Amino acid sequence: MALRAGIAGCIVLLVGCPSDGGDEPPTPTVVLPDISGIDFPAAMAQALELTFSADLRAAWTGHGASLELTRSGCPDFWVTDEDAEWRDHCTTFAGIAWNGEAAWSNALVVDGDPESALGVTTVGARSLDGAAQVDDGPELLFGFSGTGDDSLYVSEAPGYLQWRYASRVDARVRGTAAYPADGPTPGGMLLGLDLSYSGGATSELFARGDVHLPGGVLAGRFDSVSLDVTLDGPGAALPDECVTEPRGWISLRDTDAVWYDLILQPRFTDDATVDPYPNEPYSLCEGCGTLYVRGVESAQVCVDFASLFDGRLQPPDPGGYVLPIREQLGQ
C-alpha cells in the first residue's frame, strides 16, 4: 500500500548508492515538500468524509438513472428472476448511446412488525459488474468499469434500533448521473475500497483501500486517499478500548505524487502489547497521530474521528434495493 511504498522509498534514500572509487559514502538527501501552509487536520477530516461516501450508492444511482433512458431494442437485455444484464452498442432515437455491458442483482426482504416486541428486520443486497458507458451526445451520463456490491441490515423495534451497512467497490465510476458536474467529485472516482459501519445500539466503523480522484483535488492539494482504519464506537468498544482514535493509518497523496502518512494506534493488538513497545506514543488514546512525509517524521496531527458517530454516517434508503427492471421493460 501507500504506507509501505513510502517507507521503502525512505530506506532507499537513506542507504544511498556506492560511490565510484571514493572512500567516503555519499551523504543521503531527502528533499521534503513545504508543508507549512497545509491544514492537515482539515485535510484528514475531508479525506474521511470522502472515503465514507465512496460506496456503491453513487454507482447504483447512475446505473438506475441510465436504465430509465432505455428504449425497446436498445440496449438488449437478459433478465431472470435473480439478476439482469444489458449488452449492446446502440443509440436510441433520443440520442442515448449504449456501449458495453452491465450485469446486476438486487434483493430486499422486510419481515416482522415494527410495533411488536421482536420488531421488523430489513435485509438488502445488490451488486453491479461490467464495463459500461452511457452517453447523451457529448455528455457522459454513466460509466462503470469493475465490480461492486453492498448490503444493508436494519433491526427496529419499540425503543430499539440497530443497523449495519457494508460496501465493496473495485471500479472506476464516472458520469453526471453518478457524480453531478457541480458536486465535489465531478470527475468521478477510481475505487479499490472496502468499508462498513453501524449505528443504533452499537456503533463501529472500518475502511481499507484506496480512493483516487481523476482530475480532482482534495483540500486544494491531494488527489488520493489510502487507509486502513478500524474504530469501535459507543456500545461496541470494551471498557479499555479507545473510542476517539482508530487503529491503523491514513495516507494522502498530493498532485506531485508525494505521500503523507498519518500513523495512528497500532492496527493489531499484539503490536501494542509487546514489552517494550518500540513506538509507545502510538498507543495513546488522544485522537492524534504522527505524520510522516517521505518516511520522515514531520508533525503531530489530531483529527476528530469520534464525530463520525454523531449521525454523519447513515445507511442507504432500503427502497434503493428495489430496481423493478421487468416493469421498465414491460415484462
Protein backbone atom coordinates (compact mmCIF):
# COMPACT_ATOMS: atom_id res chain seq x y z
CA MET A 1 0.00 0.00 0.00
CA ALA A 2 0.99 3.67 0.04
CA LEU A 3 2.49 3.43 3.51
CA ARG A 4 4.76 0.56 2.52
CA ALA A 5 5.82 2.41 -0.62
CA GLY A 6 6.67 5.49 1.42
CA ILE A 7 8.74 3.50 3.93
CA ALA A 8 10.53 1.61 1.17
CA GLY A 9 11.35 4.84 -0.60
CA CYS A 10 12.75 6.26 2.62
CA ILE A 11 15.02 3.23 3.08
CA VAL A 12 16.39 3.60 -0.42
CA LEU A 13 17.10 7.28 0.14
CA LEU A 14 18.84 6.66 3.43
CA VAL A 15 21.04 3.84 2.15
CA GLY A 16 22.14 5.73 -0.93
CA CYS A 17 24.32 4.30 -3.69
CA PRO A 18 28.01 3.28 -3.61
CA SER A 19 30.42 5.84 -4.95
CA ASP A 20 32.82 5.17 -7.82
CA GLY A 21 36.10 4.52 -6.05
CA GLY A 22 35.63 7.08 -3.25
CA ASP A 23 36.35 6.22 0.36
CA GLU A 24 33.52 8.26 1.82
CA PRO A 25 29.91 7.08 1.35
CA PRO A 26 27.60 9.61 -0.24
CA THR A 27 25.52 11.78 2.04
CA PRO A 28 21.85 10.81 1.68
CA THR A 29 19.48 13.65 0.90
CA VAL A 30 15.73 13.61 1.41
CA VAL A 31 14.00 16.54 -0.25
CA LEU A 32 10.82 17.34 1.67
CA PRO A 33 8.00 19.49 0.36
CA ASP A 34 6.95 22.63 2.19
CA ILE A 35 4.05 21.68 4.47
CA SER A 36 3.84 24.92 6.44
CA GLY A 37 0.65 26.06 4.71
CA ILE A 38 -1.26 22.75 4.88
CA ASP A 39 -4.09 22.36 7.38
CA PHE A 40 -3.63 18.62 7.94
CA PRO A 41 -6.47 18.18 10.49
CA ALA A 42 -8.90 19.67 7.95
CA ALA A 43 -7.39 17.66 5.09
CA MET A 44 -7.63 14.38 7.03
CA ALA A 45 -11.21 15.19 8.03
CA GLN A 46 -12.10 15.78 4.38
CA ALA A 47 -10.36 12.53 3.45
CA LEU A 48 -12.52 10.63 5.94
CA GLU A 49 -15.69 12.28 4.62
CA LEU A 50 -14.69 11.38 1.08
CA THR A 51 -13.83 7.79 1.98
CA PHE A 52 -17.09 7.08 3.76
CA SER A 53 -19.06 8.49 0.83
CA ALA A 54 -17.16 6.31 -1.67
CA ASP A 55 -19.52 3.34 -1.53
CA LEU A 56 -21.74 1.66 -4.13
CA ARG A 57 -24.51 4.24 -3.81
CA ALA A 58 -23.21 6.66 -6.45
CA ALA A 59 -22.66 3.89 -8.99
CA TRP A 60 -26.07 2.38 -8.27
CA THR A 61 -27.75 5.77 -8.65
CA GLY A 62 -26.06 6.31 -12.01
CA HIS A 63 -26.96 2.80 -13.11
CA GLY A 64 -30.61 3.22 -12.15
CA ALA A 65 -30.83 6.62 -13.83
CA SER A 66 -29.41 5.23 -17.07
CA LEU A 67 -31.96 2.40 -17.12
CA GLU A 68 -34.76 4.96 -17.20
CA LEU A 69 -33.48 6.02 -20.64
CA THR A 70 -33.71 2.61 -22.32
CA ARG A 71 -35.91 2.09 -25.36
CA SER A 72 -37.26 -1.06 -26.95
CA GLY A 73 -34.32 -2.90 -28.51
CA CYS A 74 -31.65 -0.53 -27.23
CA PRO A 75 -29.95 -1.94 -25.34
CA ASP A 76 -30.56 -5.70 -25.42
CA PHE A 77 -31.49 -7.21 -22.05
CA TRP A 78 -31.26 -10.66 -20.46
CA VAL A 79 -33.43 -10.92 -17.36
CA THR A 80 -34.01 -13.76 -14.88
CA ASP A 81 -35.74 -13.88 -11.52
CA GLU A 82 -32.42 -13.24 -9.74
CA ASP A 83 -30.39 -10.93 -11.96
CA ALA A 84 -30.33 -8.89 -15.15
CA GLU A 85 -27.85 -7.75 -17.76
CA TRP A 86 -27.63 -5.44 -20.74
CA ARG A 87 -25.14 -5.82 -23.59
CA ASP A 88 -25.11 -3.67 -26.69
CA HIS A 89 -23.61 -0.99 -28.91
CA CYS A 90 -26.57 1.08 -29.95
CA THR A 91 -28.11 4.55 -29.96
CA THR A 92 -31.75 5.33 -29.24
CA PHE A 93 -33.80 7.76 -31.33
CA ALA A 94 -33.37 10.21 -28.45
CA GLY A 95 -29.59 10.10 -28.94
CA ILE A 96 -28.67 7.99 -25.88
CA ALA A 97 -25.68 5.81 -26.80
CA TRP A 98 -25.13 2.47 -25.02
CA ASN A 99 -21.76 0.74 -25.25
CA GLY A 100 -20.51 -2.27 -23.31
CA GLU A 101 -22.27 -4.43 -20.78
CA ALA A 102 -23.51 -4.32 -17.20
CA ALA A 103 -24.89 -7.11 -15.03
CA TRP A 104 -26.60 -6.62 -11.70
CA SER A 105 -28.66 -8.25 -9.00
CA ASN A 106 -30.68 -6.82 -6.13
CA ALA A 107 -32.92 -8.10 -3.36
CA LEU A 108 -34.81 -6.68 -0.40
CA VAL A 109 -36.57 -8.64 2.35
CA VAL A 110 -38.63 -6.95 5.07
CA ASP A 111 -40.02 -9.20 7.80
CA GLY A 112 -41.89 -8.56 11.04
CA ASP A 113 -43.98 -5.88 12.71
CA PRO A 114 -42.31 -2.67 13.91
CA GLU A 115 -44.82 -2.39 16.78
CA SER A 116 -44.16 -5.92 18.11
CA ALA A 117 -41.54 -6.84 20.69
CA LEU A 118 -39.43 -8.54 18.02
CA GLY A 119 -39.81 -5.60 15.65
CA VAL A 120 -39.07 -5.62 11.94
CA THR A 121 -35.93 -6.76 10.15
CA THR A 122 -34.83 -5.35 6.80
CA VAL A 123 -32.14 -7.05 4.73
CA GLY A 124 -30.94 -5.70 1.37
CA ALA A 125 -28.20 -6.79 -1.03
CA ARG A 126 -27.18 -5.66 -4.50
CA SER A 127 -24.27 -5.98 -6.91
CA LEU A 128 -23.04 -4.40 -10.14
CA ASP A 129 -20.47 -5.80 -12.55
CA GLY A 130 -19.38 -4.73 -16.01
CA ALA A 131 -17.68 -2.33 -18.38
CA ALA A 132 -20.40 0.05 -19.50
CA GLN A 133 -20.75 3.58 -20.84
CA VAL A 134 -23.94 5.55 -21.46
CA ASP A 135 -23.68 8.89 -23.30
CA ASP A 136 -26.11 11.63 -24.18
CA GLY A 137 -24.32 13.16 -27.14
CA PRO A 138 -21.05 14.66 -25.83
CA GLU A 139 -22.09 14.22 -22.18
CA LEU A 140 -21.10 11.10 -20.28
CA LEU A 141 -24.15 10.09 -18.26
CA PHE A 142 -22.76 6.96 -16.64
CA GLY A 143 -19.57 4.97 -16.84
CA PHE A 144 -18.73 1.90 -14.78
CA SER A 145 -15.77 -0.46 -15.16
CA GLY A 146 -15.26 -3.09 -12.48
CA THR A 147 -17.29 -4.73 -9.73
CA GLY A 148 -19.15 -3.62 -6.64
CA ASP A 149 -21.62 -4.83 -4.06
CA ASP A 150 -23.18 -3.63 -0.84
CA SER A 151 -25.54 -4.86 1.86
CA LEU A 152 -27.89 -3.41 4.45
CA TYR A 153 -29.21 -4.83 7.71
CA VAL A 154 -31.70 -2.99 9.93
CA SER A 155 -33.43 -4.29 13.07
CA GLU A 156 -36.00 -1.96 14.57
CA ALA A 157 -38.42 -2.43 17.46
CA PRO A 158 -40.05 -0.12 20.03
CA GLY A 159 -37.15 1.57 21.83
CA TYR A 160 -34.50 -0.30 19.84
CA LEU A 161 -32.59 0.26 16.60
CA GLN A 162 -29.54 -1.43 15.16
CA TRP A 163 -28.26 -1.18 11.58
CA ARG A 164 -25.18 -2.08 9.59
CA TYR A 165 -24.05 -1.10 6.10
CA ALA A 166 -21.16 -2.63 4.14
CA SER A 167 -19.81 -1.81 0.68
CA ARG A 168 -17.06 -3.14 -1.55
CA VAL A 169 -16.20 -1.37 -4.82
CA ASP A 170 -13.28 -2.13 -7.11
CA ALA A 171 -14.10 0.02 -10.12
CA ARG A 172 -13.93 3.34 -11.89
CA VAL A 173 -17.22 5.22 -11.63
CA ARG A 174 -17.96 8.30 -13.76
CA GLY A 175 -20.73 10.33 -15.30
CA THR A 176 -23.12 13.09 -14.32
CA ALA A 177 -25.83 10.60 -13.31
CA ALA A 178 -23.49 9.28 -10.60
CA TYR A 179 -21.48 12.42 -9.78
CA PRO A 180 -23.15 15.73 -10.71
CA ALA A 181 -20.98 18.24 -12.53
CA ASP A 182 -21.47 20.77 -9.72
CA GLY A 183 -20.66 18.25 -6.98
CA PRO A 184 -17.38 17.75 -5.07
CA THR A 185 -16.11 14.97 -7.38
CA PRO A 186 -17.26 15.83 -10.93
CA GLY A 187 -14.60 13.59 -12.49
CA GLY A 188 -15.87 10.54 -10.64
CA MET A 189 -13.78 8.15 -8.56
CA LEU A 190 -11.37 5.28 -9.02
CA LEU A 191 -12.01 2.91 -6.11
CA GLY A 192 -10.48 -0.13 -4.51
CA LEU A 193 -12.27 0.19 -1.21
CA ASP A 194 -13.92 -2.00 1.43
CA LEU A 195 -15.86 -0.22 4.15
CA SER A 196 -18.53 -0.90 6.72
CA TYR A 197 -20.13 0.94 9.60
CA SER A 198 -23.02 0.55 12.01
CA GLY A 199 -25.25 2.64 14.22
CA GLY A 200 -28.03 2.45 16.73
CA ALA A 201 -27.40 0.38 19.85
CA THR A 202 -23.74 -0.12 18.88
CA SER A 203 -21.51 1.86 16.54
CA GLU A 204 -18.30 0.89 14.78
CA LEU A 205 -16.53 1.59 11.51
CA PHE A 206 -13.97 0.01 9.20
CA ALA A 207 -12.33 1.19 5.98
CA ARG A 208 -9.49 -0.30 3.97
CA GLY A 209 -8.30 0.54 0.48
CA ASP A 210 -7.77 3.40 -1.93
CA VAL A 211 -9.73 6.30 -3.40
CA HIS A 212 -8.43 8.32 -6.36
CA LEU A 213 -9.99 11.46 -7.84
CA PRO A 214 -9.16 11.62 -11.56
CA GLY A 215 -8.77 15.29 -12.32
CA GLY A 216 -9.96 16.26 -8.83
CA VAL A 217 -8.29 17.77 -5.80
CA LEU A 218 -8.98 17.23 -2.10
CA ALA A 219 -8.28 20.10 0.31
CA GLY A 220 -6.69 22.04 -2.56
CA ARG A 221 -3.68 19.72 -2.86
CA PHE A 222 -4.39 15.96 -2.72
CA ASP A 223 -5.81 13.58 -5.31
CA SER A 224 -5.74 10.21 -3.50
CA VAL A 225 -6.51 8.63 -0.13
CA SER A 226 -5.17 5.30 1.10
CA LEU A 227 -6.10 3.96 4.51
CA ASP A 228 -6.64 1.05 6.85
CA VAL A 229 -8.64 2.10 9.93
CA THR A 230 -10.89 0.42 12.48
CA LEU A 231 -12.73 2.20 15.30
CA ASP A 232 -15.16 0.77 17.85
CA GLY A 233 -17.66 3.39 18.93
CA PRO A 234 -20.35 3.71 21.59
CA GLY A 235 -21.82 0.37 22.61
CA ALA A 236 -19.21 -1.67 20.74
CA ALA A 237 -15.94 -0.70 22.44
CA LEU A 238 -14.76 -2.58 25.51
CA PRO A 239 -14.07 -0.55 28.66
CA ASP A 240 -10.33 -0.42 27.96
CA GLU A 241 -10.65 0.40 24.24
CA CYS A 242 -10.23 3.81 22.66
CA VAL A 243 -13.31 5.41 21.06
CA THR A 244 -11.64 8.62 19.88
CA GLU A 245 -8.78 7.29 17.73
CA PRO A 246 -8.85 4.49 15.15
CA ARG A 247 -6.35 1.69 14.88
CA GLY A 248 -4.42 1.94 11.63
CA TRP A 249 -3.25 4.72 9.32
CA ILE A 250 -4.42 7.27 6.74
CA SER A 251 -2.31 8.48 3.83
CA LEU A 252 -2.84 11.35 1.40
CA ARG A 253 -1.07 11.77 -1.94
CA ASP A 254 -0.57 15.20 -3.44
CA THR A 255 -0.58 16.03 -7.12
CA ASP A 256 3.24 15.77 -7.16
CA ALA A 257 2.92 12.09 -6.09
CA VAL A 258 4.25 12.73 -2.56
CA TRP A 259 2.59 10.63 0.16
CA TYR A 260 1.75 11.98 3.64
CA ASP A 261 1.22 9.11 6.12
CA LEU A 262 -0.64 9.68 9.40
CA ILE A 263 0.15 6.76 11.75
CA LEU A 264 -2.42 6.20 14.48
CA GLN A 265 -2.79 3.41 17.04
CA PRO A 266 -1.32 0.00 16.16
CA ARG A 267 -3.56 -1.92 13.77
CA PHE A 268 -3.26 -5.16 15.73
CA THR A 269 -3.39 -5.62 19.49
CA ASP A 270 -0.21 -7.71 19.57
CA ASP A 271 1.72 -4.77 18.13
CA ALA A 272 0.91 -2.68 21.19
CA THR A 273 1.39 -5.32 23.91
CA VAL A 274 4.98 -6.35 23.30
CA ASP A 275 7.37 -5.23 26.04
CA PRO A 276 8.97 -2.82 25.49
CA TYR A 277 6.71 -1.34 22.82
CA PRO A 278 9.01 0.40 20.30
CA ASN A 279 6.62 3.26 19.41
CA GLU A 280 4.88 3.96 22.67
CA PRO A 281 3.25 7.29 21.65
CA TYR A 282 1.14 5.43 19.08
CA SER A 283 -0.61 3.52 21.86
CA LEU A 284 -2.05 6.69 23.42
CA CYS A 285 -5.78 7.38 23.02
CA GLU A 286 -5.80 11.08 22.22
CA GLY A 287 -7.12 11.26 18.64
CA CYS A 288 -3.69 12.21 17.30
CA GLY A 289 -1.12 10.52 15.13
CA THR A 290 2.39 11.08 13.82
CA LEU A 291 2.66 12.45 10.29
CA TYR A 292 5.45 11.12 8.08
CA VAL A 293 6.40 12.83 4.82
CA ARG A 294 8.52 10.62 2.55
CA GLY A 295 9.20 8.49 5.61
CA VAL A 296 10.42 11.41 7.72
CA GLU A 297 8.61 12.22 10.96
CA SER A 298 7.24 15.72 10.40
CA ALA A 299 4.39 16.66 12.75
CA GLN A 300 1.68 15.58 15.17
CA VAL A 301 -1.82 15.77 13.67
CA CYS A 302 -5.06 15.48 15.64
CA VAL A 303 -8.33 14.58 13.91
CA ASP A 304 -11.87 14.43 15.30
CA PHE A 305 -12.72 10.81 14.49
CA ALA A 306 -15.41 10.39 17.17
CA SER A 307 -17.74 12.86 15.41
CA LEU A 308 -18.25 10.27 12.67
CA PHE A 309 -20.59 8.53 15.09
CA ASP A 310 -22.69 11.68 15.66
CA GLY A 311 -25.15 10.94 12.88
CA ARG A 312 -22.76 11.66 10.00
CA LEU A 313 -22.67 8.02 8.90
CA GLN A 314 -26.09 6.92 7.67
CA PRO A 315 -27.35 3.78 5.93
CA PRO A 316 -28.89 3.94 2.44
CA ASP A 317 -32.63 4.05 1.84
CA PRO A 318 -33.90 0.43 1.69
CA GLY A 319 -36.01 1.45 -1.31
CA GLY A 320 -32.79 1.72 -3.30
CA TYR A 321 -32.52 -2.06 -3.19
CA VAL A 322 -35.65 -2.37 -5.35
CA LEU A 323 -34.95 -2.00 -9.07
CA PRO A 324 -38.07 -3.13 -10.98
CA ILE A 325 -36.41 -3.81 -14.31
CA ARG A 326 -39.24 -6.08 -15.50
CA GLU A 327 -41.73 -3.23 -15.10
CA GLN A 328 -39.50 -0.90 -17.09
CA LEU A 329 -39.21 -3.45 -19.89
CA GLY A 330 -42.90 -4.27 -19.82
CA GLN A 331 -42.23 -7.94 -18.97
